[in-house]
Amino acid sequence: QVQPVESGGGLVQPGGSLRPFCSVSGFTFSWHSMRWYRQASGKEHELVAGITYAGSSTNYADSMKGRFTISRDDAKNMVYLEMNSLKPEDTAVYYCNVRIFANDYWGQGTQVTVSS
C-alpha cells in the first residue's frame, strides 16, 4: 500500500524557515518523481515543487523560486521541502504526492502557518 506521510509543519513568523518532510512506503521510491502541493483555505491545490527520480531535475512554482528547495534521500525514502523567507501567503496545508501508473497518492498533509 502506497502511503506518504508528511510532517515538519508548524507556526513560523514572516521571514522565517521550515523544513517539512515526507516519508513514503509501499513502492520503489527511487523509481518515481515526487511532488509537493499545497492548499490554502478556500483555494485549490497548487503545485509547489517537483523532483525527478534520482533528483536529476527539479521544478518550482514561480512564487517559490529562490525561496523553496525540494530534495530527496532515496536511501531513507524521504522527500524534503526547505522553505525560507516565508510569507503569510505561504500559509496552507502542504501535501506530498506521487503518481504511479496514472494513480495519484497523497498524504494527510502538514499545516504551515506564517503569522506574526
N, C-alpha and C. Protein backbone atom coordinates (compact mmCIF):
# COMPACT_ATOMS: atom_id res chain seq x y z
N GLN A 1 0.85 -1.18 0.00
CA GLN A 1 0.00 0.00 0.00
C GLN A 1 0.89 1.24 0.00
N VAL A 2 0.64 2.11 -1.00
CA VAL A 2 1.42 3.35 -1.10
C VAL A 2 0.95 4.31 -0.02
N GLN A 3 1.88 4.83 0.78
CA GLN A 3 1.50 5.70 1.88
C GLN A 3 2.52 6.79 2.11
N PRO A 4 2.24 8.00 1.61
CA PRO A 4 3.08 9.14 2.00
C PRO A 4 2.63 9.68 3.36
N VAL A 5 3.56 10.10 4.18
CA VAL A 5 3.25 10.67 5.50
C VAL A 5 4.08 11.93 5.68
N GLU A 6 3.38 13.07 5.76
CA GLU A 6 4.07 14.35 5.91
C GLU A 6 4.20 14.73 7.37
N SER A 7 5.24 15.51 7.66
CA SER A 7 5.44 16.07 8.99
C SER A 7 6.35 17.29 8.86
N GLY A 8 6.55 17.98 9.99
CA GLY A 8 7.51 19.08 9.98
C GLY A 8 6.92 20.45 9.74
N GLY A 9 5.60 20.55 9.63
CA GLY A 9 4.99 21.86 9.52
C GLY A 9 4.98 22.56 10.87
N GLY A 10 4.33 23.72 10.92
CA GLY A 10 4.25 24.43 12.18
C GLY A 10 3.93 25.89 11.99
N LEU A 11 4.10 26.64 13.06
CA LEU A 11 3.87 28.09 13.06
C LEU A 11 5.21 28.81 13.02
N VAL A 12 5.33 29.76 12.11
CA VAL A 12 6.58 30.50 11.97
C VAL A 12 6.26 31.95 11.65
N GLN A 13 7.14 32.84 12.04
CA GLN A 13 6.94 34.26 11.76
C GLN A 13 7.34 34.57 10.32
N PRO A 14 6.78 35.63 9.75
CA PRO A 14 7.20 36.04 8.41
C PRO A 14 8.72 36.21 8.33
N GLY A 15 9.29 35.71 7.24
CA GLY A 15 10.73 35.74 7.07
C GLY A 15 11.45 34.53 7.63
N GLY A 16 10.72 33.68 8.34
CA GLY A 16 11.31 32.50 8.94
C GLY A 16 11.42 31.33 7.98
N SER A 17 11.83 30.18 8.52
CA SER A 17 12.07 28.98 7.72
C SER A 17 11.42 27.75 8.37
N LEU A 18 11.06 26.81 7.53
CA LEU A 18 10.59 25.50 7.95
C LEU A 18 11.09 24.47 6.96
N ARG A 19 11.13 23.21 7.40
CA ARG A 19 11.56 22.14 6.52
C ARG A 19 10.65 20.93 6.69
N PRO A 20 9.44 20.99 6.14
CA PRO A 20 8.60 19.80 6.20
C PRO A 20 9.22 18.66 5.41
N PHE A 21 8.83 17.45 5.77
CA PHE A 21 9.37 16.28 5.10
C PHE A 21 8.28 15.25 4.93
N CYS A 22 8.55 14.30 4.03
CA CYS A 22 7.56 13.27 3.70
C CYS A 22 8.26 11.92 3.68
N SER A 23 7.76 11.00 4.44
CA SER A 23 8.24 9.63 4.44
C SER A 23 7.27 8.78 3.64
N VAL A 24 7.81 7.92 2.76
CA VAL A 24 6.92 7.14 1.91
C VAL A 24 7.25 5.66 2.02
N SER A 25 6.24 4.84 1.72
CA SER A 25 6.41 3.40 1.74
C SER A 25 5.44 2.77 0.76
N GLY A 26 5.67 1.50 0.46
CA GLY A 26 4.72 0.76 -0.37
C GLY A 26 5.05 0.74 -1.85
N PHE A 27 6.17 1.35 -2.25
CA PHE A 27 6.58 1.31 -3.65
C PHE A 27 8.07 1.58 -3.72
N THR A 28 8.65 1.38 -4.92
CA THR A 28 10.08 1.59 -5.11
C THR A 28 10.33 3.08 -5.27
N PHE A 29 10.66 3.73 -4.20
CA PHE A 29 10.74 5.20 -4.12
C PHE A 29 11.68 5.77 -5.18
N SER A 30 12.82 5.16 -5.35
CA SER A 30 13.85 5.73 -6.22
C SER A 30 13.44 5.75 -7.69
N TRP A 31 12.38 5.04 -8.05
CA TRP A 31 11.96 4.99 -9.45
C TRP A 31 11.01 6.13 -9.82
N HIS A 32 10.56 6.90 -8.87
CA HIS A 32 9.46 7.82 -9.13
C HIS A 32 9.76 9.26 -8.77
N SER A 33 9.22 10.18 -9.60
CA SER A 33 9.26 11.59 -9.25
C SER A 33 8.34 11.86 -8.07
N MET A 34 8.67 12.88 -7.32
CA MET A 34 7.88 13.27 -6.16
C MET A 34 7.52 14.75 -6.26
N ARG A 35 6.40 15.11 -5.68
CA ARG A 35 5.93 16.49 -5.72
C ARG A 35 5.42 16.94 -4.37
N TRP A 36 5.50 18.23 -4.14
CA TRP A 36 4.82 18.88 -3.03
C TRP A 36 3.74 19.79 -3.62
N TYR A 37 2.56 19.70 -3.03
CA TYR A 37 1.46 20.61 -3.34
C TYR A 37 1.08 21.31 -2.05
N ARG A 38 0.28 22.35 -2.21
CA ARG A 38 -0.28 22.99 -1.03
C ARG A 38 -1.72 23.44 -1.33
N GLN A 39 -2.48 23.56 -0.27
CA GLN A 39 -3.85 24.05 -0.40
C GLN A 39 -4.15 25.01 0.73
N ALA A 40 -4.35 26.26 0.38
CA ALA A 40 -4.75 27.26 1.36
C ALA A 40 -6.27 27.21 1.54
N SER A 41 -6.71 27.70 2.65
CA SER A 41 -8.15 27.68 2.96
C SER A 41 -8.94 28.39 1.86
N GLY A 42 -9.93 27.69 1.31
CA GLY A 42 -10.78 28.28 0.28
C GLY A 42 -10.18 28.31 -1.10
N LYS A 43 -9.00 27.73 -1.29
CA LYS A 43 -8.34 27.74 -2.58
C LYS A 43 -8.09 26.33 -3.08
N GLU A 44 -7.75 26.22 -4.37
CA GLU A 44 -7.48 24.91 -4.96
C GLU A 44 -6.05 24.46 -4.65
N HIS A 45 -5.83 23.16 -4.86
CA HIS A 45 -4.47 22.62 -4.77
C HIS A 45 -3.55 23.37 -5.72
N GLU A 46 -2.33 23.63 -5.24
CA GLU A 46 -1.34 24.36 -6.03
C GLU A 46 -0.03 23.58 -6.01
N LEU A 47 0.56 23.34 -7.17
CA LEU A 47 1.86 22.67 -7.22
C LEU A 47 2.92 23.59 -6.65
N VAL A 48 3.69 23.08 -5.71
CA VAL A 48 4.77 23.86 -5.09
C VAL A 48 6.10 23.54 -5.77
N ALA A 49 6.44 22.25 -5.83
CA ALA A 49 7.74 21.84 -6.36
C ALA A 49 7.70 20.37 -6.74
N GLY A 50 8.59 19.98 -7.64
CA GLY A 50 8.71 18.59 -8.03
C GLY A 50 10.17 18.22 -8.19
N ILE A 51 10.44 16.94 -8.02
CA ILE A 51 11.80 16.43 -8.20
C ILE A 51 11.71 15.08 -8.90
N THR A 52 12.54 14.90 -9.93
CA THR A 52 12.50 13.65 -10.68
C THR A 52 13.20 12.54 -9.91
N TYR A 53 13.03 11.31 -10.40
CA TYR A 53 13.76 10.19 -9.79
C TYR A 53 15.25 10.47 -9.91
N ALA A 54 15.97 10.06 -8.91
CA ALA A 54 17.42 10.29 -8.79
C ALA A 54 17.75 11.77 -8.57
N GLY A 55 16.73 12.61 -8.44
CA GLY A 55 16.97 14.02 -8.15
C GLY A 55 17.66 14.77 -9.27
N SER A 56 17.55 14.28 -10.50
CA SER A 56 18.28 14.88 -11.60
C SER A 56 17.72 16.22 -12.05
N SER A 57 16.46 16.47 -11.71
CA SER A 57 15.83 17.72 -12.13
C SER A 57 14.79 18.13 -11.11
N THR A 58 14.66 19.45 -10.92
CA THR A 58 13.64 19.98 -10.03
C THR A 58 12.86 21.09 -10.74
N ASN A 59 11.67 21.35 -10.27
CA ASN A 59 10.90 22.46 -10.81
C ASN A 59 10.09 23.08 -9.69
N TYR A 60 9.79 24.37 -9.84
CA TYR A 60 9.12 25.13 -8.79
C TYR A 60 8.06 26.05 -9.40
N ALA A 61 7.02 26.29 -8.62
CA ALA A 61 6.09 27.35 -8.99
C ALA A 61 6.83 28.68 -8.91
N ASP A 62 6.43 29.62 -9.74
CA ASP A 62 7.15 30.89 -9.84
C ASP A 62 7.28 31.60 -8.49
N SER A 63 6.24 31.56 -7.69
CA SER A 63 6.26 32.30 -6.42
C SER A 63 7.18 31.65 -5.38
N MET A 64 7.64 30.43 -5.64
CA MET A 64 8.51 29.71 -4.71
C MET A 64 9.98 29.71 -5.14
N LYS A 65 10.23 30.06 -6.39
CA LYS A 65 11.60 30.02 -6.89
C LYS A 65 12.50 30.93 -6.07
N GLY A 66 13.65 30.39 -5.68
CA GLY A 66 14.60 31.16 -4.89
C GLY A 66 14.35 31.12 -3.40
N ARG A 67 13.17 30.64 -3.00
CA ARG A 67 12.85 30.57 -1.57
C ARG A 67 12.72 29.13 -1.09
N PHE A 68 12.20 28.24 -1.96
CA PHE A 68 11.97 26.84 -1.59
C PHE A 68 12.96 25.94 -2.32
N THR A 69 13.33 24.85 -1.66
CA THR A 69 14.19 23.85 -2.28
C THR A 69 13.66 22.46 -1.96
N ILE A 70 13.40 21.68 -3.00
CA ILE A 70 12.97 20.30 -2.82
C ILE A 70 14.18 19.39 -2.96
N SER A 71 14.23 18.35 -2.14
CA SER A 71 15.32 17.39 -2.21
C SER A 71 14.79 16.02 -1.80
N ARG A 72 15.58 14.99 -2.04
CA ARG A 72 15.18 13.64 -1.69
C ARG A 72 16.37 12.84 -1.20
N ASP A 73 16.07 11.83 -0.39
CA ASP A 73 17.06 10.88 0.09
C ASP A 73 16.52 9.50 -0.23
N ASP A 74 17.01 8.90 -1.30
CA ASP A 74 16.48 7.62 -1.73
C ASP A 74 16.82 6.49 -0.75
N ALA A 75 17.89 6.63 0.00
CA ALA A 75 18.25 5.60 0.98
C ALA A 75 17.25 5.56 2.13
N LYS A 76 16.61 6.70 2.40
CA LYS A 76 15.66 6.79 3.51
C LYS A 76 14.21 6.88 3.05
N ASN A 77 13.97 6.87 1.75
CA ASN A 77 12.62 7.04 1.21
C ASN A 77 11.97 8.32 1.74
N MET A 78 12.71 9.42 1.65
CA MET A 78 12.25 10.69 2.19
C MET A 78 12.35 11.78 1.13
N VAL A 79 11.41 12.71 1.18
CA VAL A 79 11.49 13.90 0.35
C VAL A 79 11.29 15.11 1.26
N TYR A 80 12.04 16.17 1.01
CA TYR A 80 12.07 17.33 1.88
C TYR A 80 11.66 18.58 1.11
N LEU A 81 11.20 19.58 1.86
CA LEU A 81 10.92 20.88 1.27
C LEU A 81 11.49 21.96 2.19
N GLU A 82 12.63 22.49 1.82
CA GLU A 82 13.25 23.57 2.57
C GLU A 82 12.55 24.87 2.17
N MET A 83 11.95 25.55 3.14
CA MET A 83 11.20 26.78 2.87
C MET A 83 11.83 27.93 3.64
N ASN A 84 12.28 28.93 2.92
CA ASN A 84 12.91 30.11 3.52
C ASN A 84 12.14 31.37 3.14
N SER A 85 12.41 32.44 3.85
CA SER A 85 11.76 33.73 3.59
C SER A 85 10.25 33.58 3.48
N LEU A 86 9.68 32.88 4.44
CA LEU A 86 8.26 32.57 4.38
C LEU A 86 7.41 33.83 4.53
N LYS A 87 6.28 33.80 3.82
CA LYS A 87 5.34 34.92 3.80
C LYS A 87 3.98 34.45 4.31
N PRO A 88 3.16 35.35 4.80
CA PRO A 88 1.82 34.94 5.25
C PRO A 88 1.03 34.20 4.16
N GLU A 89 1.24 34.55 2.92
CA GLU A 89 0.52 33.88 1.83
C GLU A 89 1.01 32.46 1.59
N ASP A 90 2.07 32.04 2.25
CA ASP A 90 2.51 30.64 2.18
C ASP A 90 1.73 29.75 3.14
N THR A 91 0.89 30.34 3.95
CA THR A 91 0.08 29.56 4.89
C THR A 91 -0.84 28.61 4.13
N ALA A 92 -0.74 27.33 4.44
CA ALA A 92 -1.51 26.30 3.74
C ALA A 92 -1.22 24.94 4.37
N VAL A 93 -1.98 23.95 3.93
CA VAL A 93 -1.64 22.56 4.22
C VAL A 93 -0.77 22.08 3.07
N TYR A 94 0.37 21.51 3.40
CA TYR A 94 1.32 21.04 2.40
C TYR A 94 1.23 19.52 2.29
N TYR A 95 1.11 19.05 1.05
CA TYR A 95 0.90 17.63 0.78
C TYR A 95 2.03 17.08 -0.08
N CYS A 96 2.39 15.85 0.22
CA CYS A 96 3.34 15.08 -0.58
C CYS A 96 2.55 14.24 -1.58
N ASN A 97 3.05 14.15 -2.79
CA ASN A 97 2.33 13.43 -3.84
C ASN A 97 3.28 12.58 -4.67
N VAL A 98 2.79 11.39 -5.04
CA VAL A 98 3.48 10.56 -6.01
C VAL A 98 2.44 10.00 -6.97
N ARG A 99 2.82 9.93 -8.23
CA ARG A 99 1.95 9.38 -9.26
C ARG A 99 2.57 8.08 -9.76
N ILE A 100 1.82 6.99 -9.64
CA ILE A 100 2.29 5.67 -10.07
C ILE A 100 1.25 5.10 -11.02
N PHE A 101 1.64 4.87 -12.26
CA PHE A 101 0.74 4.32 -13.28
C PHE A 101 -0.58 5.10 -13.34
N ALA A 102 -0.47 6.41 -13.40
CA ALA A 102 -1.60 7.33 -13.54
C ALA A 102 -2.47 7.42 -12.29
N ASN A 103 -2.06 6.79 -11.20
CA ASN A 103 -2.79 6.92 -9.93
C ASN A 103 -2.03 7.88 -9.02
N ASP A 104 -2.74 8.84 -8.45
CA ASP A 104 -2.15 9.80 -7.54
C ASP A 104 -2.33 9.34 -6.09
N TYR A 105 -1.25 9.44 -5.32
CA TYR A 105 -1.28 9.08 -3.91
C TYR A 105 -0.88 10.31 -3.08
N TRP A 106 -1.63 10.54 -2.03
CA TRP A 106 -1.45 11.73 -1.20
C TRP A 106 -1.32 11.35 0.27
N GLY A 107 -0.55 12.17 0.99
CA GLY A 107 -0.52 12.02 2.43
C GLY A 107 -1.65 12.83 3.05
N GLN A 108 -1.64 12.90 4.37
CA GLN A 108 -2.68 13.62 5.09
C GLN A 108 -2.39 15.12 5.18
N GLY A 109 -1.17 15.50 4.83
CA GLY A 109 -0.80 16.91 4.84
C GLY A 109 -0.22 17.37 6.17
N THR A 110 0.54 18.46 6.10
CA THR A 110 1.09 19.08 7.29
C THR A 110 0.82 20.59 7.20
N GLN A 111 0.30 21.16 8.27
CA GLN A 111 -0.10 22.56 8.28
C GLN A 111 1.11 23.47 8.47
N VAL A 112 1.21 24.46 7.60
CA VAL A 112 2.22 25.51 7.73
C VAL A 112 1.48 26.84 7.90
N THR A 113 1.77 27.52 8.98
CA THR A 113 1.13 28.81 9.26
C THR A 113 2.22 29.86 9.43
N VAL A 114 2.13 30.92 8.63
CA VAL A 114 3.10 32.01 8.69
C VAL A 114 2.37 33.24 9.23
N SER A 115 2.72 33.61 10.44
CA SER A 115 2.00 34.70 11.09
C SER A 115 2.84 35.30 12.20
N SER A 116 2.69 36.59 12.40
CA SER A 116 3.38 37.26 13.50
C SER A 116 2.50 37.29 14.74
